[in-house]
C-alpha atoms as a PDB file:
ATOM      1  CA  MET A   1      17.967-113.106  92.366  1.00  0.00           C
ATOM      2  CA  TYR A   2      15.791-115.552  91.431  1.00  0.00           C
ATOM      3  CA  VAL A   3      16.617-117.753  87.664  1.00  0.00           C
ATOM      4  CA  CYS A   4      13.292-120.426  87.696  1.00  0.00           C
ATOM      5  CA  LEU A   5      10.744-119.650  89.335  1.00  0.00           C
ATOM      6  CA  CYS A   6       8.873-123.112  88.488  1.00  0.00           C
ATOM      7  CA  HIS A   7      11.426-125.065  90.962  1.00  0.00           C
ATOM      8  CA  GLY A   8      12.467-121.941  93.246  1.00  0.00           C
ATOM      9  CA  VAL A   9      16.114-122.156  92.104  1.00  0.00           C
ATOM     10  CA  THR A  10      18.868-118.929  92.682  1.00  0.00           C
ATOM     11  CA  SER A  11      21.444-117.712  90.188  1.00  0.00           C
ATOM     12  CA  HIS A  12      23.380-119.243  93.310  1.00  0.00           C
ATOM     13  CA  THR A  13      22.552-122.906  92.733  1.00  0.00           C
ATOM     14  CA  VAL A  14      22.967-122.714  88.770  1.00  0.00           C
ATOM     15  CA  THR A  15      26.232-120.774  89.687  1.00  0.00           C
ATOM     16  CA  ASP A  16      26.836-123.279  91.704  1.00  0.00           C
ATOM     17  CA  ALA A  17      26.185-125.713  88.838  1.00  0.00           C
ATOM     18  CA  VAL A  18      27.945-124.258  86.512  1.00  0.00           C
ATOM     19  CA  THR A  19      30.664-124.579  88.920  1.00  0.00           C
ATOM     20  CA  CYS A  20      30.828-128.164  89.724  1.00  0.00           C
ATOM     21  CA  GLY A  21      31.007-129.258  86.080  1.00  0.00           C
ATOM     22  CA  ALA A  22      27.240-128.253  84.478  1.00  0.00           C
ATOM     23  CA  THR A  23      28.215-126.528  80.985  1.00  0.00           C
ATOM     24  CA  THR A  24      25.449-126.595  79.523  1.00  0.00           C
ATOM     25  CA  SER A  25      21.097-125.978  80.206  1.00  0.00           C
ATOM     26  CA  ARG A  26      20.578-129.535  80.152  1.00  0.00           C
ATOM     27  CA  GLU A  27      22.886-130.749  82.337  1.00  0.00           C
ATOM     28  CA  VAL A  28      22.150-127.474  84.988  1.00  0.00           C
ATOM     29  CA  ALA A  29      18.618-128.501  84.690  1.00  0.00           C
ATOM     30  CA  ASN A  30      19.897-132.220  85.391  1.00  0.00           C
ATOM     31  CA  VAL A  31      21.501-131.114  88.391  1.00  0.00           C
ATOM     32  CA  CYS A  32      19.241-128.279  89.613  1.00  0.00           C
ATOM     33  CA  GLY A  33      15.262-128.202  88.084  1.00  0.00           C
ATOM     34  CA  ALA A  34      16.320-124.881  86.167  1.00  0.00           C
ATOM     35  CA  GLY A  35      14.663-124.912  82.629  1.00  0.00           C
ATOM     36  CA  MET A  36      12.912-128.040  83.286  1.00  0.00           C
ATOM     37  CA  ASP A  37       9.591-126.897  83.050  1.00  0.00           C
ATOM     38  CA  CYS A  38       9.022-124.037  80.835  1.00  0.00           C
ATOM     39  CA  GLY A  39      11.923-122.743  79.577  1.00  0.00           C
ATOM     40  CA  ARG A  40      11.860-118.895  80.288  1.00  0.00           C
ATOM     41  CA  CYS A  41      14.459-119.019  82.315  1.00  0.00           C
ATOM     42  CA  LYS A  42      16.843-120.980  80.158  1.00  0.00           C
ATOM     43  CA  ARG A  43      18.278-117.679  78.721  1.00  0.00           C
ATOM     44  CA  THR A  44      19.735-116.659  81.820  1.00  0.00           C
ATOM     45  CA  VAL A  45      20.647-119.882  82.860  1.00  0.00           C
ATOM     46  CA  ARG A  46      22.369-119.582  79.314  1.00  0.00           C
ATOM     47  CA  ALA A  47      23.878-116.270  80.514  1.00  0.00           C
ATOM     48  CA  ILE A  48      25.135-117.227  83.948  1.00  0.00           C
ATOM     49  CA  ILE A  49      26.833-120.218  82.268  1.00  0.00           C
ATOM     50  CA  ALA A  50      28.950-118.997  79.886  1.00  0.00           C
ATOM     51  CA  ALA A  51      29.806-115.613  81.943  1.00  0.00           C
ATOM     52  CA  THR A  52      30.749-118.449  85.192  1.00  0.00           C
ATOM     53  CA  LEU A  53      32.634-119.798  82.295  1.00  0.00           C
ATOM     54  CA  GLU A  54      34.122-117.151  81.313  1.00  0.00           C
ATOM     55  CA  GLU A  55      35.401-115.915  85.105  1.00  0.00           C
ATOM     56  CA  ARG A  56      36.686-119.273  85.277  1.00  0.00           C
ATOM     57  CA  ALA A  57      38.280-119.198  82.737  1.00  0.00           C
ATOM     58  CA  CYS A  58      39.753-116.184  82.896  1.00  0.00           C
ATOM     59  CA  ALA A  59      40.804-117.153  87.103  1.00  0.00           C
ATOM     60  CA  GLY A  60      42.399-119.753  86.071  1.00  0.00           C
END
């Protein structure tokens, strides 16, 4: 699913950024560009960050 239309970033790309260590929307933006322009995707990016971090905490 596309999360950021401005940069063509998918949810998989955001999840990969979090898996590689990004823990804030700003860090994700620095990695892949999601949330840098219009900002409409920031809520979704933050939700993906939270879900990914929670999943990682439960698994490890």
